[in-house]
Amino acid sequence: MLYTARPLERVYADMRKYDKRYQNSYKNTNETTDMEYRDVVLPHGRVVTRREGENYIIQKINSTDMGDYLNDEYSPGKVFKN
């Protein structure tokens, strides 16, 4: 179940399209910018990370345990620590 104020088209859209760093290149070409994503499995869900240089940045979290959303280590935008 998903509770959000965002339109579903935005939630399920390709986030590269909305990322300001790649917005100009997305408009000018039909190619999408390849970003490296990695899924990290949690006991009750997963964390999606994207690679930036040597680090992996948390993009989003999907979990059935509400405690995972309150865990500061899984906050979007933070560097994921293995």
C-alpha atoms as a PDB file:
ATOM      1  CA  MET A   1       0.000   0.000   0.000  1.00  0.00           C
ATOM      2  CA  LEU A   2       1.346   3.388  -0.957  1.00  0.00           C
ATOM      3  CA  TYR A   3       0.349   6.589   0.809  1.00  0.00           C
ATOM      4  CA  THR A   4       1.649   9.645  -1.005  1.00  0.00           C
ATOM      5  CA  ALA A   5       0.577  13.083  -2.106  1.00  0.00           C
ATOM      6  CA  ARG A   6       2.598  12.732  -5.308  1.00  0.00           C
ATOM      7  CA  PRO A   7       0.818  11.724  -8.516  1.00  0.00           C
ATOM      8  CA  LEU A   8       1.372   8.064  -9.356  1.00  0.00           C
ATOM      9  CA  GLU A   9       2.844   9.076 -12.716  1.00  0.00           C
ATOM     10  CA  ARG A  10       5.648  10.812 -10.824  1.00  0.00           C
ATOM     11  CA  VAL A  11       6.164   7.989  -8.314  1.00  0.00           C
ATOM     12  CA  TYR A  12       6.546   5.312 -10.976  1.00  0.00           C
ATOM     13  CA  ALA A  13       8.328   7.491 -13.551  1.00  0.00           C
ATOM     14  CA  ASP A  14      11.938   7.207 -14.599  1.00  0.00           C
ATOM     15  CA  MET A  15      13.639   9.456 -12.026  1.00  0.00           C
ATOM     16  CA  ARG A  16      16.461  10.303 -14.428  1.00  0.00           C
ATOM     17  CA  LYS A  17      13.897  12.369 -16.301  1.00  0.00           C
ATOM     18  CA  TYR A  18      13.398  14.594 -13.238  1.00  0.00           C
ATOM     19  CA  ASP A  19      17.012  14.745 -12.064  1.00  0.00           C
ATOM     20  CA  LYS A  20      18.185  18.320 -12.799  1.00  0.00           C
ATOM     21  CA  ARG A  21      21.723  17.171 -13.594  1.00  0.00           C
ATOM     22  CA  TYR A  22      20.464  15.100 -16.522  1.00  0.00           C
ATOM     23  CA  GLN A  23      17.418  17.147 -17.504  1.00  0.00           C
ATOM     24  CA  ASN A  24      19.053  18.990 -20.415  1.00  0.00           C
ATOM     25  CA  SER A  25      20.566  15.849 -21.906  1.00  0.00           C
ATOM     26  CA  TYR A  26      17.240  14.032 -21.543  1.00  0.00           C
ATOM     27  CA  LYS A  27      15.393  16.752 -23.490  1.00  0.00           C
ATOM     28  CA  ASN A  28      17.989  17.019 -26.253  1.00  0.00           C
ATOM     29  CA  THR A  29      18.290  13.320 -27.057  1.00  0.00           C
ATOM     30  CA  ASN A  30      16.119  10.268 -27.030  1.00  0.00           C
ATOM     31  CA  GLU A  31      18.795   8.401 -25.120  1.00  0.00           C
ATOM     32  CA  THR A  32      18.558   8.052 -21.384  1.00  0.00           C
ATOM     33  CA  THR A  33      21.598   8.696 -19.248  1.00  0.00           C
ATOM     34  CA  ASP A  34      22.772   5.403 -17.809  1.00  0.00           C
ATOM     35  CA  MET A  35      23.058   5.616 -14.064  1.00  0.00           C
ATOM     36  CA  GLU A  36      24.256   2.647 -12.088  1.00  0.00           C
ATOM     37  CA  TYR A  37      21.689   1.495  -9.542  1.00  0.00           C
ATOM     38  CA  ARG A  38      22.054  -1.231  -6.947  1.00  0.00           C
ATOM     39  CA  ASP A  39      19.392  -2.871  -4.777  1.00  0.00           C
ATOM     40  CA  VAL A  40      20.364  -3.691  -1.221  1.00  0.00           C
ATOM     41  CA  VAL A  41      18.193  -6.293   0.456  1.00  0.00           C
ATOM     42  CA  LEU A  42      16.936  -5.567   3.978  1.00  0.00           C
ATOM     43  CA  PRO A  43      15.228  -8.082   6.260  1.00  0.00           C
ATOM     44  CA  HIS A  44      11.810  -6.579   5.419  1.00  0.00           C
ATOM     45  CA  GLY A  45      12.395  -4.827   2.088  1.00  0.00           C
ATOM     46  CA  ARG A  46      15.098  -3.151   0.052  1.00  0.00           C
ATOM     47  CA  VAL A  47      17.027   0.082  -0.439  1.00  0.00           C
ATOM     48  CA  VAL A  48      17.732   1.377  -3.951  1.00  0.00           C
ATOM     49  CA  THR A  49      21.074   3.156  -4.301  1.00  0.00           C
ATOM     50  CA  ARG A  50      22.702   5.002  -7.198  1.00  0.00           C
ATOM     51  CA  ARG A  51      26.400   5.275  -7.818  1.00  0.00           C
ATOM     52  CA  GLU A  52      28.091   8.662  -7.619  1.00  0.00           C
ATOM     53  CA  GLY A  53      31.834   8.322  -7.981  1.00  0.00           C
ATOM     54  CA  GLU A  54      33.065   5.810  -5.439  1.00  0.00           C
ATOM     55  CA  ASN A  55      29.967   6.074  -3.220  1.00  0.00           C
ATOM     56  CA  TYR A  56      26.451   4.724  -3.408  1.00  0.00           C
ATOM     57  CA  ILE A  57      23.752   7.264  -2.488  1.00  0.00           C
ATOM     58  CA  ILE A  58      20.407   6.054  -1.171  1.00  0.00           C
ATOM     59  CA  GLN A  59      17.732   6.843  -3.741  1.00  0.00           C
ATOM     60  CA  LYS A  60      14.679   5.273  -2.083  1.00  0.00           C
ATOM     61  CA  ILE A  61      13.576   2.675   0.423  1.00  0.00           C
ATOM     62  CA  ASN A  62      10.845   0.058   0.094  1.00  0.00           C
ATOM     63  CA  SER A  63      10.084  -1.849   3.260  1.00  0.00           C
ATOM     64  CA  THR A  64       7.203  -3.421   5.133  1.00  0.00           C
ATOM     65  CA  ASP A  65       8.821  -2.541   8.476  1.00  0.00           C
ATOM     66  CA  MET A  66       7.954   1.026   9.468  1.00  0.00           C
ATOM     67  CA  GLY A  67      11.069   1.131  11.665  1.00  0.00           C
ATOM     68  CA  ASP A  68      13.222   1.054   8.507  1.00  0.00           C
ATOM     69  CA  TYR A  69      11.752   4.396   7.421  1.00  0.00           C
ATOM     70  CA  LEU A  70      12.716   5.916  10.778  1.00  0.00           C
ATOM     71  CA  ASN A  71      16.239   4.507  10.636  1.00  0.00           C
ATOM     72  CA  ASP A  72      18.598   7.409   9.872  1.00  0.00           C
ATOM     73  CA  GLU A  73      21.014   5.100   8.014  1.00  0.00           C
ATOM     74  CA  TYR A  74      18.401   4.534   5.263  1.00  0.00           C
ATOM     75  CA  SER A  75      17.505   8.198   4.666  1.00  0.00           C
ATOM     76  CA  PRO A  76      17.406   9.141   0.958  1.00  0.00           C
ATOM     77  CA  GLY A  77      20.396  11.239  -0.061  1.00  0.00           C
ATOM     78  CA  LYS A  78      22.777   9.667   2.463  1.00  0.00           C
ATOM     79  CA  VAL A  79      25.824   7.652   1.505  1.00  0.00           C
ATOM     80  CA  PHE A  80      25.080   3.956   1.958  1.00  0.00           C
ATOM     81  CA  LYS A  81      27.512   2.200   4.269  1.00  0.00           C
ATOM     82  CA  ASN A  82      28.036  -1.482   3.514  1.00  0.00           C
END
